[in-house]
Amino acid sequence: MEPMKPSNGLTRHVPPDPASSEASCCAPSPDRESPSHSLPSLGSGAGIGVGVGEHSIEQREVPPGNFRMGDSYGDGNPQDGERPVHEVSLTAFRIDATSVTNADFAKFVDATGYATEAETFGYSAVFHLALSANPADVIAPAAGTPWWLGVRGADWRHPGGSLSGIDGLEDHPVVHVSWNDAVAYCDWSGRRLPTEAEWEYASRGGLDGARYPWGDDLLDDGAWRANIWQGDFPRINTVEDGFLTTAPVRTFEPNGYGLWQTVGNIWEWCADWSDPSYYLTSPVSGPKGPPEGMYKVLRGGSYLCHDSYCNRYRCAARSSNTPDSSMGNAGFRTVEIDGTI
């Protein structure tokens, strides 16, 4: 099959063989010199009003309990720190049934005038097959991941670049939002980001130790259960699951707790600082991650994950990026601040 081309007909940027790079396909690697994520931090959006906004996403109640956190099968990348598997105990909490959508984020922006970091600094990271921009808008490939392009004018309203838009994508997850942008939304809506432990527990949907929210097999009765890459990454996506980039947030089936698409589709920001060695010392009760760090945790994988190169579309999989990074496959979901039900 011929490589899929951007819908705008622009020359396709063909990256080298991914085996030639040790960087992650998931997101631009955290290189502060890379134009796609060298954005200075803007903090959490002071002045937007705390707890005044409307958050209309349906909530799911996650019961209290213990679970085995981490990779039970040895599927993970050692540098991600998915082991050792360890017991975690959590109190009950309420979490969004879906990722925050473009429509949800638009309410926040319309109410506050908030400008995301991608908008403020004028560029974000776009996957090469999703590019919809003038050639002059392409700054450069991201360091170590040439399938990621720094693109001027790419932001949450223009996910492929300045020639793209979100008309008809209102029920798709918002992307090109940094961790700082996600926290600003949370501040406005009186919410918070989930801890990494809460995220994994919720993603498992009651299936302790399973690879995926639906079990251990990638295909369920021969059908895809997540929006991930099929084909030859990063050149050819055969789109067997129906989507080249994002899917509507209520695509496929929810897990046992009623959460939609916790793996695949987009990476989701968590509250925690990232440390690959954290599991060695993580407390049993309500872990909240290291007290400080350089990178924030991302969970769930995205439409770019493929088992030939990145198998991070599992409940235990971990990734991270700087809190000011933005890219076309990362968004978030939120948790009620009062952790009790």
C-alpha atoms as a PDB file:
ATOM      1  CA  MET A   1       0.000   0.000   0.000  1.00  0.00           C
ATOM      2  CA  GLU A   2       1.218   3.478  -0.828  1.00  0.00           C
ATOM      3  CA  PRO A   3       2.059   5.738   2.122  1.00  0.00           C
ATOM      4  CA  MET A   4      -0.860   7.888   3.173  1.00  0.00           C
ATOM      5  CA  LYS A   5      -0.388  11.538   2.321  1.00  0.00           C
ATOM      6  CA  PRO A   6      -1.508  14.688   4.089  1.00  0.00           C
ATOM      7  CA  SER A   7      -4.962  15.746   2.983  1.00  0.00           C
ATOM      8  CA  ASN A   8      -3.632  19.094   1.805  1.00  0.00           C
ATOM      9  CA  GLY A   9      -1.487  17.422  -0.871  1.00  0.00           C
ATOM     10  CA  LEU A  10       1.788  18.853   0.398  1.00  0.00           C
ATOM     11  CA  THR A  11       4.991  16.925  -0.110  1.00  0.00           C
ATOM     12  CA  ARG A  12       5.152  14.156   2.452  1.00  0.00           C
ATOM     13  CA  HIS A  13       8.087  14.227   4.870  1.00  0.00           C
ATOM     14  CA  VAL A  14       9.486  10.678   4.829  1.00  0.00           C
ATOM     15  CA  PRO A  15      11.405   9.913   8.033  1.00  0.00           C
ATOM     16  CA  PRO A  16      14.222   7.409   8.319  1.00  0.00           C
ATOM     17  CA  ASP A  17      13.848   3.882   9.639  1.00  0.00           C
ATOM     18  CA  PRO A  18      12.779   4.109  13.320  1.00  0.00           C
ATOM     19  CA  ALA A  19      15.268   1.398  14.203  1.00  0.00           C
ATOM     20  CA  SER A  20      17.990   3.974  13.604  1.00  0.00           C
ATOM     21  CA  SER A  21      16.807   6.016  16.574  1.00  0.00           C
ATOM     22  CA  GLU A  22      16.530   5.191  20.256  1.00  0.00           C
ATOM     23  CA  ALA A  23      14.023   7.990  20.789  1.00  0.00           C
ATOM     24  CA  SER A  24      10.366   7.354  21.455  1.00  0.00           C
ATOM     25  CA  CYS A  25       7.835   7.473  18.649  1.00  0.00           C
ATOM     26  CA  CYS A  26       5.276   8.586  21.188  1.00  0.00           C
ATOM     27  CA  ALA A  27       6.252  12.233  21.493  1.00  0.00           C
ATOM     28  CA  PRO A  28       9.148  14.536  20.684  1.00  0.00           C
ATOM     29  CA  SER A  29      11.978  13.442  22.958  1.00  0.00           C
ATOM     30  CA  PRO A  30      12.662  15.872  25.806  1.00  0.00           C
ATOM     31  CA  ASP A  31      15.481  17.870  24.226  1.00  0.00           C
ATOM     32  CA  ARG A  32      15.326  21.457  25.367  1.00  0.00           C
ATOM     33  CA  GLU A  33      16.915  22.590  22.107  1.00  0.00           C
ATOM     34  CA  SER A  34      14.116  21.091  19.997  1.00  0.00           C
ATOM     35  CA  PRO A  35      11.848  23.810  18.560  1.00  0.00           C
ATOM     36  CA  SER A  36       8.784  21.648  19.101  1.00  0.00           C
ATOM     37  CA  HIS A  37       9.009  21.689  22.863  1.00  0.00           C
ATOM     38  CA  SER A  38      11.466  24.294  24.076  1.00  0.00           C
ATOM     39  CA  LEU A  39       8.620  26.410  25.358  1.00  0.00           C
ATOM     40  CA  PRO A  40       9.118  28.316  28.609  1.00  0.00           C
ATOM     41  CA  SER A  41       6.603  27.493  31.325  1.00  0.00           C
ATOM     42  CA  LEU A  42       3.656  29.803  31.829  1.00  0.00           C
ATOM     43  CA  GLY A  43       2.522  28.250  35.098  1.00  0.00           C
ATOM     44  CA  SER A  44      -1.093  27.228  35.695  1.00  0.00           C
ATOM     45  CA  GLY A  45      -2.939  30.176  34.210  1.00  0.00           C
ATOM     46  CA  ALA A  46      -3.188  32.791  36.944  1.00  0.00           C
ATOM     47  CA  GLY A  47      -6.194  35.089  36.713  1.00  0.00           C
ATOM     48  CA  ILE A  48      -8.545  32.676  34.962  1.00  0.00           C
ATOM     49  CA  GLY A  49     -10.750  32.183  38.028  1.00  0.00           C
ATOM     50  CA  VAL A  50     -10.549  29.103  40.209  1.00  0.00           C
ATOM     51  CA  GLY A  51     -13.430  26.644  40.269  1.00  0.00           C
ATOM     52  CA  VAL A  52     -15.817  28.887  38.373  1.00  0.00           C
ATOM     53  CA  GLY A  53     -16.097  26.945  35.134  1.00  0.00           C
ATOM     54  CA  GLU A  54     -18.530  24.354  33.867  1.00  0.00           C
ATOM     55  CA  HIS A  55     -17.200  20.810  33.547  1.00  0.00           C
ATOM     56  CA  SER A  56     -19.936  18.779  31.912  1.00  0.00           C
ATOM     57  CA  ILE A  57     -18.104  15.499  31.226  1.00  0.00           C
ATOM     58  CA  GLU A  58     -19.905  12.501  32.682  1.00  0.00           C
ATOM     59  CA  GLN A  59     -18.224  11.094  35.769  1.00  0.00           C
ATOM     60  CA  ARG A  60     -17.406   7.505  36.686  1.00  0.00           C
ATOM     61  CA  GLU A  61     -17.027   6.301  40.252  1.00  0.00           C
ATOM     62  CA  VAL A  62     -13.910   4.227  40.858  1.00  0.00           C
ATOM     63  CA  PRO A  63     -14.217   2.166  44.044  1.00  0.00           C
ATOM     64  CA  PRO A  64     -11.575   1.991  46.760  1.00  0.00           C
ATOM     65  CA  GLY A  65      -9.228  -0.943  46.589  1.00  0.00           C
ATOM     66  CA  ASN A  66      -5.791  -2.450  46.137  1.00  0.00           C
ATOM     67  CA  PHE A  67      -4.191  -3.380  42.836  1.00  0.00           C
ATOM     68  CA  ARG A  68      -0.869  -4.487  41.410  1.00  0.00           C
ATOM     69  CA  MET A  69       0.646  -1.480  39.704  1.00  0.00           C
ATOM     70  CA  GLY A  70       3.165  -2.018  36.937  1.00  0.00           C
ATOM     71  CA  ASP A  71       4.031  -4.401  34.114  1.00  0.00           C
ATOM     72  CA  SER A  72       3.145  -7.993  35.067  1.00  0.00           C
ATOM     73  CA  TYR A  73       4.332  -9.508  31.768  1.00  0.00           C
ATOM     74  CA  GLY A  74       7.689  -7.903  30.998  1.00  0.00           C
ATOM     75  CA  ASP A  75       6.249  -6.111  27.982  1.00  0.00           C
ATOM     76  CA  GLY A  76       7.584  -2.681  28.878  1.00  0.00           C
ATOM     77  CA  ASN A  77      10.636  -0.690  27.952  1.00  0.00           C
ATOM     78  CA  PRO A  78      13.138  -1.006  30.829  1.00  0.00           C
ATOM     79  CA  GLN A  79      13.982   2.700  30.709  1.00  0.00           C
ATOM     80  CA  ASP A  80      10.327   3.581  31.379  1.00  0.00           C
ATOM     81  CA  GLY A  81      10.428   2.097  34.891  1.00  0.00           C
ATOM     82  CA  GLU A  82       7.287  -0.057  34.757  1.00  0.00           C
ATOM     83  CA  ARG A  83       8.763  -2.445  37.329  1.00  0.00           C
ATOM     84  CA  PRO A  84       8.811  -3.722  39.979  1.00  0.00           C
ATOM     85  CA  VAL A  85       5.143  -4.602  40.126  1.00  0.00           C
ATOM     86  CA  HIS A  86       3.978  -3.368  43.515  1.00  0.00           C
ATOM     87  CA  GLU A  87       0.775  -3.182  45.500  1.00  0.00           C
ATOM     88  CA  VAL A  88      -1.035   0.139  45.698  1.00  0.00           C
ATOM     89  CA  SER A  89      -4.026   1.055  47.829  1.00  0.00           C
ATOM     90  CA  LEU A  90      -6.349   3.875  46.783  1.00  0.00           C
ATOM     91  CA  THR A  91      -9.441   5.518  48.189  1.00  0.00           C
ATOM     92  CA  ALA A  92     -12.477   5.987  45.950  1.00  0.00           C
ATOM     93  CA  PHE A  93     -12.482   8.814  43.413  1.00  0.00           C
ATOM     94  CA  ARG A  94     -14.520  10.188  40.524  1.00  0.00           C
ATOM     95  CA  ILE A  95     -12.912  10.534  37.104  1.00  0.00           C
ATOM     96  CA  ASP A  96     -14.017  11.713  33.668  1.00  0.00           C
ATOM     97  CA  ALA A  97     -15.540   8.991  31.503  1.00  0.00           C
ATOM     98  CA  THR A  98     -13.675  10.450  28.516  1.00  0.00           C
ATOM     99  CA  SER A  99     -10.761  12.652  27.675  1.00  0.00           C
ATOM    100  CA  VAL A 100     -11.490  16.379  27.622  1.00  0.00           C
ATOM    101  CA  THR A 101     -12.797  17.181  24.149  1.00  0.00           C
ATOM    102  CA  ASN A 102     -12.308  20.104  21.794  1.00  0.00           C
ATOM    103  CA  ALA A 103     -15.813  21.279  22.703  1.00  0.00           C
ATOM    104  CA  ASP A 104     -15.035  21.113  26.429  1.00  0.00           C
ATOM    105  CA  PHE A 105     -11.782  23.000  26.038  1.00  0.00           C
ATOM    106  CA  ALA A 106     -13.433  25.608  23.830  1.00  0.00           C
ATOM    107  CA  LYS A 107     -15.846  26.474  26.674  1.00  0.00           C
ATOM    108  CA  PHE A 108     -12.841  27.121  28.910  1.00  0.00           C
ATOM    109  CA  VAL A 109     -11.071  29.285  26.336  1.00  0.00           C
ATOM    110  CA  ASP A 110     -14.240  31.209  25.431  1.00  0.00           C
ATOM    111  CA  ALA A 111     -14.923  31.937  29.107  1.00  0.00           C
ATOM    112  CA  THR A 112     -11.398  32.986  30.059  1.00  0.00           C
ATOM    113  CA  GLY A 113      -9.539  34.064  26.932  1.00  0.00           C
ATOM    114  CA  TYR A 114      -6.816  31.611  27.881  1.00  0.00           C
ATOM    115  CA  ALA A 115      -4.030  31.139  25.333  1.00  0.00           C
ATOM    116  CA  THR A 116      -2.284  27.787  25.337  1.00  0.00           C
ATOM    117  CA  GLU A 117       1.484  27.569  25.299  1.00  0.00           C
ATOM    118  CA  ALA A 118       1.436  26.394  21.686  1.00  0.00           C
ATOM    119  CA  GLU A 119      -0.555  29.498  20.737  1.00  0.00           C
ATOM    120  CA  THR A 120       1.617  31.832  22.787  1.00  0.00           C
ATOM    121  CA  PHE A 121       4.860  30.634  21.298  1.00  0.00           C
ATOM    122  CA  GLY A 122       3.468  30.006  17.853  1.00  0.00           C
ATOM    123  CA  TYR A 123       4.267  26.351  17.185  1.00  0.00           C
ATOM    124  CA  SER A 124       3.747  22.781  18.307  1.00  0.00           C
ATOM    125  CA  ALA A 125       4.689  19.241  17.291  1.00  0.00           C
ATOM    126  CA  VAL A 126       2.742  17.606  14.431  1.00  0.00           C
ATOM    127  CA  PHE A 127       3.131  14.047  13.150  1.00  0.00           C
ATOM    128  CA  HIS A 128       4.338  14.185   9.544  1.00  0.00           C
ATOM    129  CA  LEU A 129       1.303  12.397   8.031  1.00  0.00           C
ATOM    130  CA  ALA A 130      -1.071  14.759   9.844  1.00  0.00           C
ATOM    131  CA  LEU A 131       0.579  17.905   8.476  1.00  0.00           C
ATOM    132  CA  SER A 132      -1.800  20.486   7.031  1.00  0.00           C
ATOM    133  CA  ALA A 133       0.255  23.641   6.711  1.00  0.00           C
ATOM    134  CA  ASN A 134       2.207  25.750   4.291  1.00  0.00           C
ATOM    135  CA  PRO A 135       5.738  24.399   3.699  1.00  0.00           C
ATOM    136  CA  ALA A 136       7.189  27.574   5.196  1.00  0.00           C
ATOM    137  CA  ASP A 137       5.437  26.782   8.480  1.00  0.00           C
ATOM    138  CA  VAL A 138       7.538  23.673   9.051  1.00  0.00           C
ATOM    139  CA  ILE A 139      10.417  24.639  11.329  1.00  0.00           C
ATOM    140  CA  ALA A 140      12.313  21.363  11.601  1.00  0.00           C
ATOM    141  CA  PRO A 141      11.915  17.750  12.628  1.00  0.00           C
ATOM    142  CA  ALA A 142      12.169  17.180  16.371  1.00  0.00           C
ATOM    143  CA  ALA A 143      15.549  15.953  17.590  1.00  0.00           C
ATOM    144  CA  GLY A 144      15.721  12.160  17.470  1.00  0.00           C
ATOM    145  CA  THR A 145      12.169  11.754  16.143  1.00  0.00           C
ATOM    146  CA  PRO A 146      12.085  13.103  12.565  1.00  0.00           C
ATOM    147  CA  TRP A 147       8.482  12.019  12.062  1.00  0.00           C
ATOM    148  CA  TRP A 148       7.583  14.821  14.468  1.00  0.00           C
ATOM    149  CA  LEU A 149       7.685  18.279  12.910  1.00  0.00           C
ATOM    150  CA  GLY A 150       7.824  21.628  14.642  1.00  0.00           C
ATOM    151  CA  VAL A 151       5.021  23.518  12.897  1.00  0.00           C
ATOM    152  CA  ARG A 152       4.184  27.210  13.200  1.00  0.00           C
ATOM    153  CA  GLY A 153       0.484  27.772  13.706  1.00  0.00           C
ATOM    154  CA  ALA A 154      -0.184  24.279  15.071  1.00  0.00           C
ATOM    155  CA  ASP A 155      -2.297  24.403  18.222  1.00  0.00           C
ATOM    156  CA  TRP A 156      -5.469  22.929  19.662  1.00  0.00           C
ATOM    157  CA  ARG A 157      -7.652  24.742  17.122  1.00  0.00           C
ATOM    158  CA  HIS A 158      -5.321  23.780  14.262  1.00  0.00           C
ATOM    159  CA  PRO A 159      -4.095  20.252  15.061  1.00  0.00           C
ATOM    160  CA  GLY A 160      -2.345  19.692  11.721  1.00  0.00           C
ATOM    161  CA  GLY A 161      -1.122  23.243  11.281  1.00  0.00           C
ATOM    162  CA  SER A 162      -2.591  26.525  10.076  1.00  0.00           C
ATOM    163  CA  LEU A 163      -4.536  24.929   7.184  1.00  0.00           C
ATOM    164  CA  SER A 164      -6.404  22.564   9.501  1.00  0.00           C
ATOM    165  CA  GLY A 165      -9.271  23.101  11.933  1.00  0.00           C
ATOM    166  CA  ILE A 166     -11.554  21.351  14.393  1.00  0.00           C
ATOM    167  CA  ASP A 167     -14.906  21.784  12.669  1.00  0.00           C
ATOM    168  CA  GLY A 168     -16.517  18.374  12.887  1.00  0.00           C
ATOM    169  CA  LEU A 169     -14.006  17.293  15.541  1.00  0.00           C
ATOM    170  CA  GLU A 170     -15.841  18.732  18.532  1.00  0.00           C
ATOM    171  CA  ASP A 171     -16.155  15.274  20.120  1.00  0.00           C
ATOM    172  CA  HIS A 172     -12.494  14.412  19.551  1.00  0.00           C
ATOM    173  CA  PRO A 173      -9.982  14.822  22.380  1.00  0.00           C
ATOM    174  CA  VAL A 174      -8.273  18.183  22.603  1.00  0.00           C
ATOM    175  CA  VAL A 175      -4.585  17.925  21.707  1.00  0.00           C
ATOM    176  CA  HIS A 176      -1.628  20.319  21.569  1.00  0.00           C
ATOM    177  CA  VAL A 177      -2.224  21.121  25.231  1.00  0.00           C
ATOM    178  CA  SER A 178       0.724  21.102  27.609  1.00  0.00           C
ATOM    179  CA  TRP A 179       0.628  19.903  31.204  1.00  0.00           C
ATOM    180  CA  ASN A 180       0.472  23.553  32.236  1.00  0.00           C
ATOM    181  CA  ASP A 181      -2.525  24.105  29.940  1.00  0.00           C
ATOM    182  CA  ALA A 182      -4.272  21.057  31.403  1.00  0.00           C
ATOM    183  CA  VAL A 183      -3.714  22.369  34.939  1.00  0.00           C
ATOM    184  CA  ALA A 184      -5.105  25.759  33.911  1.00  0.00           C
ATOM    185  CA  TYR A 185      -8.290  24.038  32.730  1.00  0.00           C
ATOM    186  CA  CYS A 186      -8.427  22.104  35.988  1.00  0.00           C
ATOM    187  CA  ASP A 187      -8.040  25.291  38.033  1.00  0.00           C
ATOM    188  CA  TRP A 188     -10.886  26.950  36.139  1.00  0.00           C
ATOM    189  CA  SER A 189     -13.215  23.960  36.420  1.00  0.00           C
ATOM    190  CA  GLY A 190     -12.389  23.078  40.020  1.00  0.00           C
ATOM    191  CA  ARG A 191     -10.838  19.769  39.015  1.00  0.00           C
ATOM    192  CA  ARG A 192      -7.395  18.189  39.120  1.00  0.00           C
ATOM    193  CA  LEU A 193      -5.309  15.803  37.060  1.00  0.00           C
ATOM    194  CA  PRO A 194      -5.281  12.179  38.210  1.00  0.00           C
ATOM    195  CA  THR A 195      -2.236  10.800  39.935  1.00  0.00           C
ATOM    196  CA  GLU A 196      -0.387   8.173  37.948  1.00  0.00           C
ATOM    197  CA  ALA A 197      -1.638   5.477  40.342  1.00  0.00           C
ATOM    198  CA  GLU A 198      -5.241   6.653  40.024  1.00  0.00           C
ATOM    199  CA  TRP A 199      -4.923   6.707  36.257  1.00  0.00           C
ATOM    200  CA  GLU A 200      -3.616   3.125  36.034  1.00  0.00           C
ATOM    201  CA  TYR A 201      -6.162   1.776  38.524  1.00  0.00           C
ATOM    202  CA  ALA A 202      -9.002   3.442  36.615  1.00  0.00           C
ATOM    203  CA  SER A 203      -7.638   2.314  33.248  1.00  0.00           C
ATOM    204  CA  ARG A 204      -7.581  -1.320  34.347  1.00  0.00           C
ATOM    205  CA  GLY A 205     -11.318  -1.188  34.978  1.00  0.00           C
ATOM    206  CA  GLY A 206     -11.110  -3.872  37.655  1.00  0.00           C
ATOM    207  CA  LEU A 207      -8.894  -6.276  35.648  1.00  0.00           C
ATOM    208  CA  ASP A 208      -5.924  -6.501  38.001  1.00  0.00           C
ATOM    209  CA  GLY A 209      -2.660  -7.163  36.162  1.00  0.00           C
ATOM    210  CA  ALA A 210      -4.158  -7.281  32.657  1.00  0.00           C
ATOM    211  CA  ARG A 211      -2.310  -5.783  29.718  1.00  0.00           C
ATOM    212  CA  TYR A 212      -5.266  -3.825  28.391  1.00  0.00           C
ATOM    213  CA  PRO A 213      -8.515  -2.449  29.804  1.00  0.00           C
ATOM    214  CA  TRP A 214     -10.362  -5.377  28.166  1.00  0.00           C
ATOM    215  CA  GLY A 215      -7.911  -8.224  28.919  1.00  0.00           C
ATOM    216  CA  ASP A 216      -4.595  -9.618  27.698  1.00  0.00           C
ATOM    217  CA  ASP A 217      -5.176  -9.996  23.947  1.00  0.00           C
ATOM    218  CA  LEU A 218      -4.731  -6.990  21.687  1.00  0.00           C
ATOM    219  CA  LEU A 219      -7.595  -8.022  19.410  1.00  0.00           C
ATOM    220  CA  ASP A 220     -10.928  -8.890  20.992  1.00  0.00           C
ATOM    221  CA  ASP A 221     -12.724 -11.509  18.857  1.00  0.00           C
ATOM    222  CA  GLY A 222     -10.690 -10.241  15.904  1.00  0.00           C
ATOM    223  CA  ALA A 223     -11.729  -6.621  16.416  1.00  0.00           C
ATOM    224  CA  TRP A 224      -9.662  -3.616  17.388  1.00  0.00           C
ATOM    225  CA  ARG A 225     -10.447  -2.177  20.810  1.00  0.00           C
ATOM    226  CA  ALA A 226      -8.166   0.877  20.639  1.00  0.00           C
ATOM    227  CA  ASN A 227      -7.003   3.535  18.205  1.00  0.00           C
ATOM    228  CA  ILE A 228      -3.363   2.661  17.542  1.00  0.00           C
ATOM    229  CA  TRP A 229      -1.091   2.343  14.517  1.00  0.00           C
ATOM    230  CA  GLN A 230      -1.530  -0.480  12.022  1.00  0.00           C
ATOM    231  CA  GLY A 231       1.023  -0.924   9.270  1.00  0.00           C
ATOM    232  CA  ASP A 232       4.639   0.168   8.956  1.00  0.00           C
ATOM    233  CA  PHE A 233       5.450   2.899  11.478  1.00  0.00           C
ATOM    234  CA  PRO A 234       6.029   5.743  10.713  1.00  0.00           C
ATOM    235  CA  ARG A 235       5.413   5.544   6.961  1.00  0.00           C
ATOM    236  CA  ILE A 236       2.229   3.608   6.317  1.00  0.00           C
ATOM    237  CA  ASN A 237      -0.879   3.412   8.467  1.00  0.00           C
ATOM    238  CA  THR A 238      -3.376   0.952   7.021  1.00  0.00           C
ATOM    239  CA  VAL A 239      -6.069   2.498   9.239  1.00  0.00           C
ATOM    240  CA  GLU A 240      -7.624  -0.864  10.090  1.00  0.00           C
ATOM    241  CA  ASP A 241      -9.148   0.679  13.230  1.00  0.00           C
ATOM    242  CA  GLY A 242     -10.664   3.480  11.153  1.00  0.00           C
ATOM    243  CA  PHE A 243      -8.482   6.402  12.246  1.00  0.00           C
ATOM    244  CA  LEU A 244      -5.237   7.979  11.075  1.00  0.00           C
ATOM    245  CA  THR A 245      -5.112  10.427  13.984  1.00  0.00           C
ATOM    246  CA  THR A 246      -7.645  11.019  16.777  1.00  0.00           C
ATOM    247  CA  ALA A 247     -10.973   9.255  17.125  1.00  0.00           C
ATOM    248  CA  PRO A 248     -14.101  10.588  18.864  1.00  0.00           C
ATOM    249  CA  VAL A 249     -13.741  10.049  22.600  1.00  0.00           C
ATOM    250  CA  ARG A 250     -16.606   7.537  22.760  1.00  0.00           C
ATOM    251  CA  THR A 251     -15.245   5.216  20.086  1.00  0.00           C
ATOM    252  CA  PHE A 252     -14.770   1.498  20.853  1.00  0.00           C
ATOM    253  CA  GLU A 253     -16.097   0.116  24.159  1.00  0.00           C
ATOM    254  CA  PRO A 254     -15.614   1.461  27.692  1.00  0.00           C
ATOM    255  CA  ASN A 255     -13.769  -0.561  30.318  1.00  0.00           C
ATOM    256  CA  GLY A 256     -15.225  -2.180  33.432  1.00  0.00           C
ATOM    257  CA  TYR A 257     -15.467   1.180  35.220  1.00  0.00           C
ATOM    258  CA  GLY A 258     -17.122   2.863  32.244  1.00  0.00           C
ATOM    259  CA  LEU A 259     -14.063   4.788  31.008  1.00  0.00           C
ATOM    260  CA  TRP A 260     -13.586   5.218  27.275  1.00  0.00           C
ATOM    261  CA  GLN A 261     -10.218   4.911  25.496  1.00  0.00           C
ATOM    262  CA  THR A 262      -7.755   4.978  28.334  1.00  0.00           C
ATOM    263  CA  VAL A 263      -5.277   3.317  25.972  1.00  0.00           C
ATOM    264  CA  GLY A 264      -4.665   4.455  22.421  1.00  0.00           C
ATOM    265  CA  ASN A 265      -6.078   7.613  20.833  1.00  0.00           C
ATOM    266  CA  ILE A 266      -4.100  10.147  22.925  1.00  0.00           C
ATOM    267  CA  TRP A 267      -1.592  10.278  25.733  1.00  0.00           C
ATOM    268  CA  GLU A 268      -3.058  11.760  28.921  1.00  0.00           C
ATOM    269  CA  TRP A 269      -1.188  14.002  31.335  1.00  0.00           C
ATOM    270  CA  CYS A 270      -1.041  12.958  34.985  1.00  0.00           C
ATOM    271  CA  ALA A 271      -0.269  15.066  38.041  1.00  0.00           C
ATOM    272  CA  ASP A 272       2.989  13.314  38.953  1.00  0.00           C
ATOM    273  CA  TRP A 273       6.566  14.204  38.264  1.00  0.00           C
ATOM    274  CA  SER A 274       8.243  11.347  36.422  1.00  0.00           C
ATOM    275  CA  ASP A 275      11.081   9.186  37.746  1.00  0.00           C
ATOM    276  CA  PRO A 276      11.781   5.738  36.209  1.00  0.00           C
ATOM    277  CA  SER A 277      13.046   4.492  39.591  1.00  0.00           C
ATOM    278  CA  TYR A 278      10.030   5.678  41.591  1.00  0.00           C
ATOM    279  CA  TYR A 279       8.427   2.230  41.841  1.00  0.00           C
ATOM    280  CA  LEU A 280      11.367   1.063  43.957  1.00  0.00           C
ATOM    281  CA  THR A 281      10.323   3.373  46.798  1.00  0.00           C
ATOM    282  CA  SER A 282       6.684   4.190  46.016  1.00  0.00           C
ATOM    283  CA  PRO A 283       4.423   4.053  49.098  1.00  0.00           C
ATOM    284  CA  VAL A 284       1.566   1.563  49.163  1.00  0.00           C
ATOM    285  CA  SER A 285      -1.115   4.077  50.125  1.00  0.00           C
ATOM    286  CA  GLY A 286      -2.065   6.776  47.616  1.00  0.00           C
ATOM    287  CA  PRO A 287       1.297   7.407  45.904  1.00  0.00           C
ATOM    288  CA  LYS A 288       1.610  10.849  44.351  1.00  0.00           C
ATOM    289  CA  GLY A 289       4.965  10.564  42.584  1.00  0.00           C
ATOM    290  CA  PRO A 290       8.315  12.206  43.333  1.00  0.00           C
ATOM    291  CA  PRO A 291       8.349  15.618  45.016  1.00  0.00           C
ATOM    292  CA  GLU A 292      10.121  17.236  42.073  1.00  0.00           C
ATOM    293  CA  GLY A 293      11.478  16.534  38.621  1.00  0.00           C
ATOM    294  CA  MET A 294      11.941  17.752  35.063  1.00  0.00           C
ATOM    295  CA  TYR A 295       9.212  15.760  33.316  1.00  0.00           C
ATOM    296  CA  LYS A 296       5.550  15.045  33.957  1.00  0.00           C
ATOM    297  CA  VAL A 297       3.983  11.622  33.509  1.00  0.00           C
ATOM    298  CA  LEU A 298       1.973  10.755  30.408  1.00  0.00           C
ATOM    299  CA  ARG A 299      -0.175   7.635  30.290  1.00  0.00           C
ATOM    300  CA  GLY A 300      -2.153   5.546  27.807  1.00  0.00           C
ATOM    301  CA  GLY A 301      -0.349   5.610  24.489  1.00  0.00           C
ATOM    302  CA  SER A 302      -1.815   7.153  21.359  1.00  0.00           C
ATOM    303  CA  TYR A 303      -2.818   6.642  17.744  1.00  0.00           C
ATOM    304  CA  LEU A 304       0.901   6.415  16.934  1.00  0.00           C
ATOM    305  CA  CYS A 305       1.692   3.362  19.070  1.00  0.00           C
ATOM    306  CA  HIS A 306       2.669   0.125  17.284  1.00  0.00           C
ATOM    307  CA  ASP A 307       4.163  -3.060  18.697  1.00  0.00           C
ATOM    308  CA  SER A 308       7.073  -2.985  16.255  1.00  0.00           C
ATOM    309  CA  TYR A 309       8.487   0.099  17.920  1.00  0.00           C
ATOM    310  CA  CYS A 310       6.356   1.483  20.733  1.00  0.00           C
ATOM    311  CA  ASN A 311       4.088  -0.828  22.693  1.00  0.00           C
ATOM    312  CA  ARG A 312       2.962   1.765  25.198  1.00  0.00           C
ATOM    313  CA  TYR A 313      -0.756   1.260  24.548  1.00  0.00           C
ATOM    314  CA  ARG A 314      -0.975  -0.844  27.750  1.00  0.00           C
ATOM    315  CA  CYS A 315      -2.414  -0.023  31.167  1.00  0.00           C
ATOM    316  CA  ALA A 316       1.043  -0.223  32.779  1.00  0.00           C
ATOM    317  CA  ALA A 317       2.931   1.752  30.128  1.00  0.00           C
ATOM    318  CA  ARG A 318       4.582   5.018  31.114  1.00  0.00           C
ATOM    319  CA  SER A 319       5.991   7.990  29.255  1.00  0.00           C
ATOM    320  CA  SER A 320       6.837  11.573  30.144  1.00  0.00           C
ATOM    321  CA  ASN A 321       7.610  14.982  28.770  1.00  0.00           C
ATOM    322  CA  THR A 322       8.364  18.470  30.017  1.00  0.00           C
ATOM    323  CA  PRO A 323       5.332  20.275  31.482  1.00  0.00           C
ATOM    324  CA  ASP A 324       5.485  22.903  28.744  1.00  0.00           C
ATOM    325  CA  SER A 325       5.547  20.386  25.859  1.00  0.00           C
ATOM    326  CA  SER A 326       2.670  20.175  23.405  1.00  0.00           C
ATOM    327  CA  MET A 327       2.063  17.744  20.569  1.00  0.00           C
ATOM    328  CA  GLY A 328      -0.689  16.425  18.372  1.00  0.00           C
ATOM    329  CA  ASN A 329      -1.265  13.227  20.360  1.00  0.00           C
ATOM    330  CA  ALA A 330      -1.492  14.412  23.968  1.00  0.00           C
ATOM    331  CA  GLY A 331      -4.416  15.668  26.028  1.00  0.00           C
ATOM    332  CA  PHE A 332      -5.931  14.872  29.420  1.00  0.00           C
ATOM    333  CA  ARG A 333      -8.884  13.829  31.563  1.00  0.00           C
ATOM    334  CA  THR A 334      -9.660  15.129  35.046  1.00  0.00           C
ATOM    335  CA  VAL A 335     -10.611  13.932  38.533  1.00  0.00           C
ATOM    336  CA  GLU A 336     -12.912  15.457  41.131  1.00  0.00           C
ATOM    337  CA  ILE A 337     -10.826  17.308  43.725  1.00  0.00           C
ATOM    338  CA  ASP A 338     -12.750  15.761  46.608  1.00  0.00           C
ATOM    339  CA  GLY A 339     -11.418  12.224  46.355  1.00  0.00           C
ATOM    340  CA  THR A 340     -14.326  10.646  48.209  1.00  0.00           C
ATOM    341  CA  ILE A 341     -17.568   9.397  46.717  1.00  0.00           C
END
